[in-house]
Amino acid sequence: MLLKKRTKYLQIAFNRDLGEVKKMISLLPVSEKIIIEAGTPFVKKYGLSGIRDIKYFWEQRLDQPGYIVADLKCMDRGSTEVEAAMEAGASAVTCLGLAPVETINEFIKKCAFLKIDSMVDMMNVEFPFEVLKNLKQLPDVVVLHRGADEGVLNREKMLPHHLIHRIKGTYNIDISLAGGEKIKDVTSAFFNDADIVVVWRSFYDQPEATAKLAQDFLAVIK
């Protein structure tokens, strides 16, 4: 696994236009605890070149190698998509837990072979254990995810904090939590032992406030 064990990370997903993303990344504090995500809409718009660009922007800011997640949400051809993302410079790739088990297995196998991190996103998966127990090999990261539309249109849908300890109690695996956007969401996620917290909407809505938002979120990481 490329990420350090027992280290907390803030993952920021970028989905604005390329020029805006470049400017926003230039405003981020220099921190190894920040993970940069090429969000799904961003990748659909800019393709593999977008992943390369976002990696270049962040590494120029860091002045050292940076960690880049390509949020492909793979549902088929897991091996092929992983190889493409790796060639574009991704450090990690996502596959949906709703994908066929054969696809997830090939996805994880290819990630391990290419030495990049595999992230399985459990959005809309009611019982993540049912997915995990059927895999030949565990992913590096399980993503517990309340979708963007759910967060807006289904206010009663809670973030799945209760699953973090349950999964960690069974498997030696890192957990990423996505779907919360407020400081209290990030604080609660880390309090409940998440390793990575993913945010995007606040940065998308307030690109001019990127520096302050990042500093505020990083302040709750211990």
C-alpha atoms as a PDB file:
ATOM      1  CA  MET A   1       0.000   0.000   0.000  1.00  0.00           C
ATOM      2  CA  LEU A   2       1.323   3.431  -0.939  1.00  0.00           C
ATOM      3  CA  LEU A   3      -0.378   5.293   1.915  1.00  0.00           C
ATOM      4  CA  LYS A   4       1.162   5.179   5.366  1.00  0.00           C
ATOM      5  CA  LYS A   5      -0.613   3.051   7.951  1.00  0.00           C
ATOM      6  CA  ARG A   6      -1.912   4.825  11.058  1.00  0.00           C
ATOM      7  CA  THR A   7      -1.902   8.153   9.215  1.00  0.00           C
ATOM      8  CA  LYS A   8      -5.010  10.265   8.631  1.00  0.00           C
ATOM      9  CA  TYR A   9      -5.584  11.845   5.227  1.00  0.00           C
ATOM     10  CA  LEU A  10      -7.857  14.476   3.725  1.00  0.00           C
ATOM     11  CA  GLN A  11      -8.859  13.614   0.160  1.00  0.00           C
ATOM     12  CA  ILE A  12     -10.015  16.565  -1.939  1.00  0.00           C
ATOM     13  CA  ALA A  13     -11.929  15.741  -5.109  1.00  0.00           C
ATOM     14  CA  PHE A  14     -11.682  18.246  -7.954  1.00  0.00           C
ATOM     15  CA  ASN A  15     -14.404  18.526 -10.585  1.00  0.00           C
ATOM     16  CA  ARG A  16     -14.202  22.075 -11.939  1.00  0.00           C
ATOM     17  CA  ASP A  17     -12.671  23.150 -15.248  1.00  0.00           C
ATOM     18  CA  LEU A  18      -8.989  22.448 -15.714  1.00  0.00           C
ATOM     19  CA  GLY A  19      -7.859  26.058 -15.357  1.00  0.00           C
ATOM     20  CA  GLU A  20      -9.850  26.478 -12.156  1.00  0.00           C
ATOM     21  CA  VAL A  21      -8.480  23.212 -10.757  1.00  0.00           C
ATOM     22  CA  LYS A  22      -4.924  24.366 -11.450  1.00  0.00           C
ATOM     23  CA  LYS A  23      -5.550  27.604  -9.563  1.00  0.00           C
ATOM     24  CA  MET A  24      -7.258  25.822  -6.662  1.00  0.00           C
ATOM     25  CA  ILE A  25      -4.420  23.336  -6.259  1.00  0.00           C
ATOM     26  CA  SER A  26      -1.938  26.226  -6.265  1.00  0.00           C
ATOM     27  CA  LEU A  27      -3.754  27.576  -3.181  1.00  0.00           C
ATOM     28  CA  LEU A  28      -3.598  24.359  -1.166  1.00  0.00           C
ATOM     29  CA  PRO A  29      -1.291  24.128   1.834  1.00  0.00           C
ATOM     30  CA  VAL A  30       1.742  21.943   1.222  1.00  0.00           C
ATOM     31  CA  SER A  31       0.910  18.787   3.157  1.00  0.00           C
ATOM     32  CA  GLU A  32       1.544  15.085   2.691  1.00  0.00           C
ATOM     33  CA  LYS A  33      -1.782  14.546   4.453  1.00  0.00           C
ATOM     34  CA  ILE A  34      -3.660  15.861   1.417  1.00  0.00           C
ATOM     35  CA  ILE A  35      -4.724  13.402  -1.263  1.00  0.00           C
ATOM     36  CA  ILE A  36      -5.770  14.837  -4.606  1.00  0.00           C
ATOM     37  CA  GLU A  37      -8.642  13.181  -6.458  1.00  0.00           C
ATOM     38  CA  ALA A  38      -9.409  13.496 -10.128  1.00  0.00           C
ATOM     39  CA  GLY A  39     -13.181  13.297  -9.666  1.00  0.00           C
ATOM     40  CA  THR A  40     -15.422  11.257 -11.922  1.00  0.00           C
ATOM     41  CA  PRO A  41     -16.902  14.256 -13.814  1.00  0.00           C
ATOM     42  CA  PHE A  42     -13.384  15.675 -14.225  1.00  0.00           C
ATOM     43  CA  VAL A  43     -12.060  12.397 -15.675  1.00  0.00           C
ATOM     44  CA  LYS A  44     -15.068  12.070 -17.993  1.00  0.00           C
ATOM     45  CA  LYS A  45     -14.393  15.559 -19.323  1.00  0.00           C
ATOM     46  CA  TYR A  46     -10.617  15.473 -19.599  1.00  0.00           C
ATOM     47  CA  GLY A  47      -9.764  11.766 -19.762  1.00  0.00           C
ATOM     48  CA  LEU A  48      -6.307  10.431 -18.986  1.00  0.00           C
ATOM     49  CA  SER A  49      -4.688  13.761 -19.830  1.00  0.00           C
ATOM     50  CA  GLY A  50      -6.707  15.305 -17.010  1.00  0.00           C
ATOM     51  CA  ILE A  51      -5.218  12.819 -14.543  1.00  0.00           C
ATOM     52  CA  ARG A  52      -1.736  13.668 -15.818  1.00  0.00           C
ATOM     53  CA  ASP A  53      -2.428  17.384 -15.493  1.00  0.00           C
ATOM     54  CA  ILE A  54      -3.835  17.192 -11.992  1.00  0.00           C
ATOM     55  CA  LYS A  55      -0.827  15.130 -10.910  1.00  0.00           C
ATOM     56  CA  TYR A  56       1.539  17.695 -12.429  1.00  0.00           C
ATOM     57  CA  PHE A  57      -0.250  20.610 -10.720  1.00  0.00           C
ATOM     58  CA  TRP A  58      -0.060  18.958  -7.299  1.00  0.00           C
ATOM     59  CA  GLU A  59       3.539  17.825  -7.595  1.00  0.00           C
ATOM     60  CA  GLN A  60       4.570  21.320  -8.676  1.00  0.00           C
ATOM     61  CA  ARG A  61       2.945  22.594  -5.490  1.00  0.00           C
ATOM     62  CA  LEU A  62       4.419  19.877  -3.266  1.00  0.00           C
ATOM     63  CA  ASP A  63       7.816  19.865  -4.984  1.00  0.00           C
ATOM     64  CA  GLN A  64       7.833  16.078  -4.559  1.00  0.00           C
ATOM     65  CA  PRO A  65       5.726  13.081  -5.665  1.00  0.00           C
ATOM     66  CA  GLY A  66       2.045  13.459  -4.764  1.00  0.00           C
ATOM     67  CA  TYR A  67      -0.734  10.937  -4.218  1.00  0.00           C
ATOM     68  CA  ILE A  68      -3.443  11.033  -6.906  1.00  0.00           C
ATOM     69  CA  VAL A  69      -6.729   9.082  -6.882  1.00  0.00           C
ATOM     70  CA  ALA A  70      -8.423   8.453 -10.229  1.00  0.00           C
ATOM     71  CA  ASP A  71     -12.090   8.074  -9.339  1.00  0.00           C
ATOM     72  CA  LEU A  72     -13.045   5.884 -12.292  1.00  0.00           C
ATOM     73  CA  LYS A  73     -15.812   4.003 -10.451  1.00  0.00           C
ATOM     74  CA  CYS A  74     -14.958   0.963 -12.553  1.00  0.00           C
ATOM     75  CA  MET A  75     -17.838  -1.454 -13.239  1.00  0.00           C
ATOM     76  CA  ASP A  76     -16.238  -3.677 -15.902  1.00  0.00           C
ATOM     77  CA  ARG A  77     -12.858  -4.333 -17.541  1.00  0.00           C
ATOM     78  CA  GLY A  78     -11.149  -3.720 -14.211  1.00  0.00           C
ATOM     79  CA  SER A  79      -7.699  -4.711 -15.388  1.00  0.00           C
ATOM     80  CA  THR A  80      -7.801  -2.462 -18.460  1.00  0.00           C
ATOM     81  CA  GLU A  81      -8.978   0.622 -16.578  1.00  0.00           C
ATOM     82  CA  VAL A  82      -6.360   0.201 -13.862  1.00  0.00           C
ATOM     83  CA  GLU A  83      -3.564  -0.008 -16.412  1.00  0.00           C
ATOM     84  CA  ALA A  84      -4.750   3.152 -18.178  1.00  0.00           C
ATOM     85  CA  ALA A  85      -4.998   5.096 -14.913  1.00  0.00           C
ATOM     86  CA  MET A  86      -1.563   3.958 -13.773  1.00  0.00           C
ATOM     87  CA  GLU A  87      -0.016   5.040 -17.084  1.00  0.00           C
ATOM     88  CA  ALA A  88      -1.594   8.457 -16.533  1.00  0.00           C
ATOM     89  CA  GLY A  89       0.138   8.722 -13.148  1.00  0.00           C
ATOM     90  CA  ALA A  90      -2.586   7.662 -10.697  1.00  0.00           C
ATOM     91  CA  SER A  91      -1.514   6.364  -7.288  1.00  0.00           C
ATOM     92  CA  ALA A  92      -4.911   4.738  -6.670  1.00  0.00           C
ATOM     93  CA  VAL A  93      -8.022   3.823  -8.649  1.00  0.00           C
ATOM     94  CA  THR A  94     -11.622   3.198  -7.587  1.00  0.00           C
ATOM     95  CA  CYS A  95     -13.913   0.306  -8.463  1.00  0.00           C
ATOM     96  CA  LEU A  96     -17.550   0.062  -7.416  1.00  0.00           C
ATOM     97  CA  GLY A  97     -18.545  -2.609  -4.925  1.00  0.00           C
ATOM     98  CA  LEU A  98     -21.631  -3.092  -7.094  1.00  0.00           C
ATOM     99  CA  ALA A  99     -19.427  -4.411  -9.920  1.00  0.00           C
ATOM    100  CA  PRO A 100     -19.358  -8.168 -10.644  1.00  0.00           C
ATOM    101  CA  VAL A 101     -17.052  -9.997  -8.243  1.00  0.00           C
ATOM    102  CA  GLU A 102     -14.965 -11.104 -11.221  1.00  0.00           C
ATOM    103  CA  THR A 103     -14.352  -7.474 -12.142  1.00  0.00           C
ATOM    104  CA  ILE A 104     -13.429  -6.485  -8.587  1.00  0.00           C
ATOM    105  CA  ASN A 105     -11.025  -9.411  -8.301  1.00  0.00           C
ATOM    106  CA  GLU A 106      -9.305  -8.507 -11.574  1.00  0.00           C
ATOM    107  CA  PHE A 107      -9.214  -4.869 -10.532  1.00  0.00           C
ATOM    108  CA  ILE A 108      -7.504  -5.647  -7.203  1.00  0.00           C
ATOM    109  CA  LYS A 109      -5.120  -8.135  -8.818  1.00  0.00           C
ATOM    110  CA  LYS A 110      -4.031  -5.611 -11.460  1.00  0.00           C
ATOM    111  CA  CYS A 111      -3.577  -2.843  -8.878  1.00  0.00           C
ATOM    112  CA  ALA A 112      -1.340  -5.113  -6.809  1.00  0.00           C
ATOM    113  CA  PHE A 113       0.681  -6.102  -9.880  1.00  0.00           C
ATOM    114  CA  LEU A 114       1.174  -2.477 -10.931  1.00  0.00           C
ATOM    115  CA  LYS A 115       1.852  -1.393  -7.337  1.00  0.00           C
ATOM    116  CA  ILE A 116      -0.935   1.162  -7.036  1.00  0.00           C
ATOM    117  CA  ASP A 117      -3.656   1.215  -4.397  1.00  0.00           C
ATOM    118  CA  SER A 118      -7.040  -0.399  -4.992  1.00  0.00           C
ATOM    119  CA  MET A 119     -10.089   1.374  -3.574  1.00  0.00           C
ATOM    120  CA  VAL A 120     -13.476  -0.358  -3.603  1.00  0.00           C
ATOM    121  CA  ASP A 121     -16.343   2.108  -3.291  1.00  0.00           C
ATOM    122  CA  MET A 122     -19.348   0.709  -1.434  1.00  0.00           C
ATOM    123  CA  MET A 123     -21.815   3.410  -2.515  1.00  0.00           C
ATOM    124  CA  ASN A 124     -25.322   1.907  -2.567  1.00  0.00           C
ATOM    125  CA  VAL A 125     -23.989  -1.394  -1.189  1.00  0.00           C
ATOM    126  CA  GLU A 126     -26.168  -2.230   1.802  1.00  0.00           C
ATOM    127  CA  PHE A 127     -23.943  -5.013   3.131  1.00  0.00           C
ATOM    128  CA  PRO A 128     -20.234  -4.391   2.346  1.00  0.00           C
ATOM    129  CA  PHE A 129     -19.303  -7.613   4.153  1.00  0.00           C
ATOM    130  CA  GLU A 130     -21.122  -9.581   1.457  1.00  0.00           C
ATOM    131  CA  VAL A 131     -18.778  -8.078  -1.105  1.00  0.00           C
ATOM    132  CA  LEU A 132     -15.585  -8.397   0.924  1.00  0.00           C
ATOM    133  CA  LYS A 133     -16.072 -12.023   1.952  1.00  0.00           C
ATOM    134  CA  ASN A 134     -16.356 -13.123  -1.688  1.00  0.00           C
ATOM    135  CA  LEU A 135     -13.126 -11.503  -2.865  1.00  0.00           C
ATOM    136  CA  LYS A 136      -9.963 -13.467  -3.538  1.00  0.00           C
ATOM    137  CA  GLN A 137      -7.893 -10.593  -2.162  1.00  0.00           C
ATOM    138  CA  LEU A 138      -8.876  -7.561  -0.109  1.00  0.00           C
ATOM    139  CA  PRO A 139      -8.523  -4.072  -1.592  1.00  0.00           C
ATOM    140  CA  ASP A 140      -6.152  -1.599   0.015  1.00  0.00           C
ATOM    141  CA  VAL A 141      -9.007   0.739   0.922  1.00  0.00           C
ATOM    142  CA  VAL A 142     -12.755   0.326   1.405  1.00  0.00           C
ATOM    143  CA  VAL A 143     -14.679   3.500   0.624  1.00  0.00           C
ATOM    144  CA  LEU A 144     -17.892   3.977   2.605  1.00  0.00           C
ATOM    145  CA  HIS A 145     -19.831   6.459   0.543  1.00  0.00           C
ATOM    146  CA  ARG A 146     -23.032   8.452   0.784  1.00  0.00           C
ATOM    147  CA  GLY A 147     -23.515   9.701  -2.759  1.00  0.00           C
ATOM    148  CA  ALA A 148     -23.729  13.380  -3.692  1.00  0.00           C
ATOM    149  CA  ASP A 149     -27.364  13.135  -4.791  1.00  0.00           C
ATOM    150  CA  GLU A 150     -28.260  11.230  -1.628  1.00  0.00           C
ATOM    151  CA  GLY A 151     -26.691  13.930   0.512  1.00  0.00           C
ATOM    152  CA  VAL A 152     -28.825  16.601  -1.151  1.00  0.00           C
ATOM    153  CA  LEU A 153     -32.095  14.783  -1.848  1.00  0.00           C
ATOM    154  CA  ASN A 154     -32.223  12.329   1.049  1.00  0.00           C
ATOM    155  CA  ARG A 155     -31.421  14.261   4.186  1.00  0.00           C
ATOM    156  CA  GLU A 156     -32.266  11.267   6.353  1.00  0.00           C
ATOM    157  CA  LYS A 157     -29.505   9.138   4.819  1.00  0.00           C
ATOM    158  CA  MET A 158     -26.780   9.034   7.451  1.00  0.00           C
ATOM    159  CA  LEU A 159     -23.067   8.719   6.868  1.00  0.00           C
ATOM    160  CA  PRO A 160     -22.130   5.063   7.535  1.00  0.00           C
ATOM    161  CA  HIS A 161     -19.904   5.675  10.577  1.00  0.00           C
ATOM    162  CA  HIS A 162     -21.186   2.503  12.223  1.00  0.00           C
ATOM    163  CA  LEU A 163     -19.547   0.343   9.568  1.00  0.00           C
ATOM    164  CA  ILE A 164     -16.014   1.626  10.137  1.00  0.00           C
ATOM    165  CA  HIS A 165     -15.318  -0.292  13.368  1.00  0.00           C
ATOM    166  CA  ARG A 166     -17.285  -3.314  12.177  1.00  0.00           C
ATOM    167  CA  ILE A 167     -15.155  -3.677   9.071  1.00  0.00           C
ATOM    168  CA  LYS A 168     -11.902  -2.904  10.871  1.00  0.00           C
ATOM    169  CA  GLY A 169     -12.818  -5.404  13.564  1.00  0.00           C
ATOM    170  CA  THR A 170     -12.884  -8.131  10.929  1.00  0.00           C
ATOM    171  CA  TYR A 171     -10.323  -7.015   8.360  1.00  0.00           C
ATOM    172  CA  ASN A 172      -6.951  -5.274   8.549  1.00  0.00           C
ATOM    173  CA  ILE A 173      -7.926  -2.635   6.024  1.00  0.00           C
ATOM    174  CA  ASP A 174      -8.031   1.123   5.669  1.00  0.00           C
ATOM    175  CA  ILE A 175     -11.369   2.932   5.491  1.00  0.00           C
ATOM    176  CA  SER A 176     -12.213   6.028   3.501  1.00  0.00           C
ATOM    177  CA  LEU A 177     -15.425   7.923   4.254  1.00  0.00           C
ATOM    178  CA  ALA A 178     -17.067  10.040   1.565  1.00  0.00           C
ATOM    179  CA  GLY A 179     -20.239  12.093   1.606  1.00  0.00           C
ATOM    180  CA  GLY A 180     -19.746  14.595   4.410  1.00  0.00           C
ATOM    181  CA  GLU A 181     -18.775  18.180   3.681  1.00  0.00           C
ATOM    182  CA  LYS A 182     -18.767  20.040   6.985  1.00  0.00           C
ATOM    183  CA  ILE A 183     -16.044  20.298   9.598  1.00  0.00           C
ATOM    184  CA  LYS A 184     -18.206  18.318  12.016  1.00  0.00           C
ATOM    185  CA  ASP A 185     -18.525  15.545   9.416  1.00  0.00           C
ATOM    186  CA  VAL A 186     -14.766  15.301   9.038  1.00  0.00           C
ATOM    187  CA  THR A 187     -14.218  15.439  12.805  1.00  0.00           C
ATOM    188  CA  SER A 188     -16.812  12.713  13.368  1.00  0.00           C
ATOM    189  CA  ALA A 189     -15.326  10.518  10.647  1.00  0.00           C
ATOM    190  CA  PHE A 190     -11.852  10.626  12.165  1.00  0.00           C
ATOM    191  CA  PHE A 191     -13.291  10.190  15.666  1.00  0.00           C
ATOM    192  CA  ASN A 192     -14.903   6.992  14.388  1.00  0.00           C
ATOM    193  CA  ASP A 193     -11.508   5.790  13.098  1.00  0.00           C
ATOM    194  CA  ALA A 194     -11.713   6.561   9.380  1.00  0.00           C
ATOM    195  CA  ASP A 195      -8.285   6.753   7.758  1.00  0.00           C
ATOM    196  CA  ILE A 196      -9.301   8.998   4.852  1.00  0.00           C
ATOM    197  CA  VAL A 197     -12.099  11.541   4.587  1.00  0.00           C
ATOM    198  CA  VAL A 198     -13.195  12.689   1.134  1.00  0.00           C
ATOM    199  CA  VAL A 199     -14.596  16.187   0.514  1.00  0.00           C
ATOM    200  CA  TRP A 200     -15.464  18.006  -2.689  1.00  0.00           C
ATOM    201  CA  ARG A 201     -18.614  20.120  -2.655  1.00  0.00           C
ATOM    202  CA  SER A 202     -17.333  22.927  -0.440  1.00  0.00           C
ATOM    203  CA  PHE A 203     -14.304  23.348  -2.710  1.00  0.00           C
ATOM    204  CA  TYR A 204     -16.462  23.159  -5.829  1.00  0.00           C
ATOM    205  CA  ASP A 205     -18.864  25.775  -4.487  1.00  0.00           C
ATOM    206  CA  GLN A 206     -16.179  28.091  -3.081  1.00  0.00           C
ATOM    207  CA  PRO A 207     -13.020  27.760  -5.203  1.00  0.00           C
ATOM    208  CA  GLU A 208     -11.799  31.157  -4.021  1.00  0.00           C
ATOM    209  CA  ALA A 209     -11.815  29.839  -0.431  1.00  0.00           C
ATOM    210  CA  THR A 210      -9.686  26.780  -1.235  1.00  0.00           C
ATOM    211  CA  ALA A 211      -6.782  27.728   1.035  1.00  0.00           C
ATOM    212  CA  LYS A 212      -8.937  28.420   4.093  1.00  0.00           C
ATOM    213  CA  LEU A 213     -11.149  25.370   3.548  1.00  0.00           C
ATOM    214  CA  ALA A 214      -8.133  23.098   3.334  1.00  0.00           C
ATOM    215  CA  GLN A 215      -6.542  24.617   6.425  1.00  0.00           C
ATOM    216  CA  ASP A 216      -9.782  24.255   8.387  1.00  0.00           C
ATOM    217  CA  PHE A 217     -10.180  20.601   7.399  1.00  0.00           C
ATOM    218  CA  LEU A 218      -6.515  19.790   8.069  1.00  0.00           C
ATOM    219  CA  ALA A 219      -6.806  21.296  11.552  1.00  0.00           C
ATOM    220  CA  VAL A 220      -9.017  18.405  12.666  1.00  0.00           C
ATOM    221  CA  ILE A 221      -6.548  15.723  11.493  1.00  0.00           C
ATOM    222  CA  LYS A 222      -4.403  14.366  14.275  1.00  0.00           C
END
